[in-house]
Amino acid sequence: MGKKNKNKKKRVNPKRERYAKFRKEKPSVLNFNFPDLTPEQQKQKQTDEGKIDSFLRFNRNPPAQEIVERKMKSKR
């Protein structure tokens, strides 16, 4: 096996060359900038989040009435 010639030009793929203009650079990191809220909107957002948090924390689905009755009968 012989040595590689470092000065040799690389073969160019003509298809890749032709369609390079259609390839677009895509940003790797997306930045989301939310608009500044007015004080009234901030207060509304805070109250809405509080309501949602309390709903999720305290709203437990009670078991169906039939299941409760069945358990009570089995305990007797």
N, C-alpha and C. Protein backbone atom coordinates (compact mmCIF):
# COMPACT_ATOMS: atom_id res chain seq x y z
N MET A 1 0.82 -1.18 0.00
CA MET A 1 0.00 0.00 0.00
C MET A 1 0.87 1.25 0.00
N GLY A 2 0.55 2.15 -0.88
CA GLY A 2 1.34 3.37 -1.00
C GLY A 2 0.84 4.46 -0.07
N LYS A 3 1.61 5.53 0.01
CA LYS A 3 1.22 6.66 0.84
C LYS A 3 0.12 7.46 0.16
N LYS A 4 -0.72 8.12 0.97
CA LYS A 4 -1.77 8.96 0.41
C LYS A 4 -1.18 10.32 0.06
N ASN A 5 -1.61 10.84 -1.04
CA ASN A 5 -1.18 12.17 -1.45
C ASN A 5 -2.08 13.20 -0.79
N LYS A 6 -1.56 14.01 0.12
CA LYS A 6 -2.36 14.99 0.85
C LYS A 6 -2.74 16.19 -0.02
N ASN A 7 -2.03 16.41 -1.08
CA ASN A 7 -2.31 17.56 -1.93
C ASN A 7 -3.37 17.26 -2.99
N LYS A 8 -3.82 16.02 -3.05
CA LYS A 8 -4.81 15.63 -4.05
C LYS A 8 -6.17 16.24 -3.71
N LYS A 9 -6.86 16.78 -4.71
CA LYS A 9 -8.18 17.38 -4.50
C LYS A 9 -9.21 16.28 -4.26
N LYS A 10 -10.19 16.60 -3.40
CA LYS A 10 -11.28 15.66 -3.14
C LYS A 10 -12.27 15.71 -4.29
N ARG A 11 -12.87 14.57 -4.59
CA ARG A 11 -13.90 14.57 -5.63
C ARG A 11 -15.14 15.26 -5.10
N VAL A 12 -15.73 16.10 -5.93
CA VAL A 12 -16.94 16.83 -5.53
C VAL A 12 -18.14 16.10 -6.09
N ASN A 13 -19.11 15.87 -5.21
CA ASN A 13 -20.34 15.20 -5.64
C ASN A 13 -21.19 16.24 -6.37
N PRO A 14 -21.44 16.06 -7.67
CA PRO A 14 -22.19 17.09 -8.42
C PRO A 14 -23.62 17.26 -7.94
N LYS A 15 -24.23 16.16 -7.49
CA LYS A 15 -25.62 16.25 -7.01
C LYS A 15 -25.68 17.10 -5.74
N ARG A 16 -24.74 16.86 -4.84
CA ARG A 16 -24.69 17.63 -3.60
C ARG A 16 -24.44 19.10 -3.89
N GLU A 17 -23.58 19.38 -4.85
CA GLU A 17 -23.28 20.75 -5.26
C GLU A 17 -24.53 21.43 -5.80
N ARG A 18 -25.28 20.70 -6.63
CA ARG A 18 -26.45 21.27 -7.29
C ARG A 18 -27.55 21.63 -6.29
N TYR A 19 -27.74 20.76 -5.28
CA TYR A 19 -28.85 20.97 -4.35
C TYR A 19 -28.44 21.67 -3.06
N ALA A 20 -27.21 22.14 -2.98
CA ALA A 20 -26.73 22.82 -1.77
C ALA A 20 -27.51 24.10 -1.51
N LYS A 21 -27.97 24.75 -2.59
CA LYS A 21 -28.69 26.01 -2.42
C LYS A 21 -30.03 25.83 -1.71
N PHE A 22 -30.59 24.61 -1.73
CA PHE A 22 -31.88 24.38 -1.09
C PHE A 22 -31.73 24.03 0.39
N ARG A 23 -30.53 23.65 0.79
CA ARG A 23 -30.30 23.30 2.18
C ARG A 23 -30.16 24.57 3.00
N LYS A 24 -30.90 24.66 4.09
CA LYS A 24 -30.85 25.86 4.90
C LYS A 24 -30.22 25.56 6.25
N GLU A 25 -29.57 26.56 6.79
CA GLU A 25 -28.98 26.43 8.13
C GLU A 25 -30.11 26.45 9.15
N LYS A 26 -30.06 25.50 10.07
CA LYS A 26 -31.08 25.45 11.12
C LYS A 26 -30.42 25.79 12.44
N PRO A 27 -31.01 26.71 13.20
CA PRO A 27 -30.42 27.04 14.50
C PRO A 27 -30.53 25.86 15.46
N SER A 28 -29.49 25.62 16.22
CA SER A 28 -29.49 24.47 17.12
C SER A 28 -30.22 24.77 18.42
N VAL A 29 -30.28 26.03 18.83
CA VAL A 29 -30.93 26.41 20.08
C VAL A 29 -32.07 27.37 19.76
N LEU A 30 -33.26 27.05 20.27
CA LEU A 30 -34.40 27.94 20.07
C LEU A 30 -34.56 28.82 21.30
N ASN A 31 -34.76 30.08 21.08
CA ASN A 31 -34.98 31.02 22.18
C ASN A 31 -36.43 31.49 22.14
N PHE A 32 -37.13 31.25 23.24
CA PHE A 32 -38.50 31.71 23.35
C PHE A 32 -38.52 32.94 24.24
N ASN A 33 -38.92 34.05 23.69
CA ASN A 33 -39.04 35.27 24.48
C ASN A 33 -40.52 35.60 24.60
N PHE A 34 -41.03 35.48 25.83
CA PHE A 34 -42.42 35.78 26.05
C PHE A 34 -42.60 37.29 26.18
N PRO A 35 -43.72 37.81 25.74
CA PRO A 35 -43.92 39.26 25.82
C PRO A 35 -44.06 39.71 27.28
N ASP A 36 -43.67 40.94 27.53
CA ASP A 36 -43.80 41.49 28.88
C ASP A 36 -45.28 41.71 29.19
N LEU A 37 -45.69 41.25 30.36
CA LEU A 37 -47.09 41.39 30.76
C LEU A 37 -47.28 42.65 31.57
N THR A 38 -48.46 43.23 31.44
CA THR A 38 -48.79 44.39 32.27
C THR A 38 -49.02 43.88 33.69
N PRO A 39 -48.95 44.77 34.67
CA PRO A 39 -49.20 44.32 36.07
C PRO A 39 -50.54 43.61 36.24
N GLU A 40 -51.56 44.09 35.52
CA GLU A 40 -52.88 43.46 35.63
C GLU A 40 -52.84 42.03 35.08
N GLN A 41 -52.15 41.86 33.96
CA GLN A 41 -52.04 40.53 33.36
C GLN A 41 -51.20 39.61 34.23
N GLN A 42 -50.16 40.14 34.87
CA GLN A 42 -49.34 39.33 35.78
C GLN A 42 -50.16 38.83 36.95
N LYS A 43 -51.00 39.73 37.49
CA LYS A 43 -51.84 39.34 38.63
C LYS A 43 -52.83 38.27 38.20
N GLN A 44 -53.43 38.44 37.02
CA GLN A 44 -54.39 37.46 36.50
C GLN A 44 -53.71 36.10 36.30
N LYS A 45 -52.51 36.12 35.76
CA LYS A 45 -51.77 34.88 35.54
C LYS A 45 -51.47 34.18 36.86
N GLN A 46 -51.07 34.96 37.86
CA GLN A 46 -50.75 34.40 39.17
C GLN A 46 -51.98 33.77 39.81
N THR A 47 -53.13 34.44 39.73
CA THR A 47 -54.35 33.88 40.32
C THR A 47 -54.77 32.62 39.58
N ASP A 48 -54.64 32.62 38.25
CA ASP A 48 -55.00 31.42 37.47
C ASP A 48 -54.11 30.24 37.85
N GLU A 49 -52.80 30.49 37.97
CA GLU A 49 -51.89 29.41 38.35
C GLU A 49 -52.21 28.90 39.75
N GLY A 50 -52.56 29.81 40.65
CA GLY A 50 -52.93 29.40 42.01
C GLY A 50 -54.17 28.52 42.01
N LYS A 51 -55.16 28.90 41.20
CA LYS A 51 -56.39 28.10 41.12
C LYS A 51 -56.10 26.71 40.57
N ILE A 52 -55.28 26.65 39.55
CA ILE A 52 -54.94 25.36 38.94
C ILE A 52 -54.19 24.49 39.95
N ASP A 53 -53.23 25.09 40.66
CA ASP A 53 -52.46 24.33 41.66
C ASP A 53 -53.36 23.79 42.76
N SER A 54 -54.26 24.62 43.26
CA SER A 54 -55.14 24.15 44.34
C SER A 54 -56.09 23.08 43.82
N PHE A 55 -56.54 23.22 42.58
CA PHE A 55 -57.42 22.21 42.00
C PHE A 55 -56.71 20.87 41.91
N LEU A 56 -55.47 20.91 41.41
CA LEU A 56 -54.72 19.66 41.26
C LEU A 56 -54.35 19.05 42.61
N ARG A 57 -54.11 19.89 43.60
CA ARG A 57 -53.71 19.39 44.91
C ARG A 57 -54.87 18.78 45.67
N PHE A 58 -56.03 19.44 45.64
CA PHE A 58 -57.13 19.03 46.52
C PHE A 58 -58.24 18.27 45.82
N ASN A 59 -58.28 18.26 44.51
CA ASN A 59 -59.37 17.56 43.82
C ASN A 59 -58.97 16.12 43.58
N ARG A 60 -59.32 15.28 44.48
CA ARG A 60 -59.09 13.84 44.31
C ARG A 60 -60.42 13.22 43.91
N ASN A 61 -60.38 12.36 42.91
CA ASN A 61 -61.62 11.73 42.49
C ASN A 61 -62.05 10.71 43.54
N PRO A 62 -63.19 10.95 44.18
CA PRO A 62 -63.64 9.98 45.18
C PRO A 62 -64.07 8.68 44.48
N PRO A 63 -63.94 7.54 45.15
CA PRO A 63 -64.36 6.29 44.52
C PRO A 63 -65.87 6.30 44.26
N ALA A 64 -66.30 5.53 43.30
CA ALA A 64 -67.72 5.48 42.97
C ALA A 64 -68.52 4.98 44.17
N GLN A 65 -69.78 5.41 44.25
CA GLN A 65 -70.63 5.09 45.40
C GLN A 65 -70.80 3.58 45.56
N GLU A 66 -70.87 2.85 44.45
CA GLU A 66 -71.05 1.40 44.52
C GLU A 66 -69.88 0.74 45.25
N ILE A 67 -68.67 1.21 44.95
CA ILE A 67 -67.48 0.63 45.57
C ILE A 67 -67.49 0.89 47.07
N VAL A 68 -67.89 2.10 47.46
CA VAL A 68 -67.96 2.45 48.88
C VAL A 68 -68.96 1.53 49.58
N GLU A 69 -70.13 1.33 48.96
CA GLU A 69 -71.16 0.46 49.56
C GLU A 69 -70.66 -0.99 49.67
N ARG A 70 -69.96 -1.46 48.65
CA ARG A 70 -69.44 -2.82 48.66
C ARG A 70 -68.43 -3.00 49.78
N LYS A 71 -67.57 -2.01 49.98
CA LYS A 71 -66.60 -2.08 51.06
C LYS A 71 -67.29 -2.09 52.42
N MET A 72 -68.30 -1.28 52.58
CA MET A 72 -69.03 -1.22 53.85
C MET A 72 -69.70 -2.57 54.14
N LYS A 73 -70.26 -3.21 53.12
CA LYS A 73 -70.89 -4.51 53.31
C LYS A 73 -69.87 -5.56 53.69
N SER A 74 -68.70 -5.52 53.07
CA SER A 74 -67.70 -6.54 53.36
C SER A 74 -67.13 -6.38 54.77
N LYS A 75 -67.17 -5.17 55.30
CA LYS A 75 -66.66 -4.95 56.66
C LYS A 75 -67.62 -5.45 57.73
N ARG A 76 -68.91 -5.59 57.41
CA ARG A 76 -69.90 -6.00 58.40
C ARG A 76 -69.71 -7.41 58.82
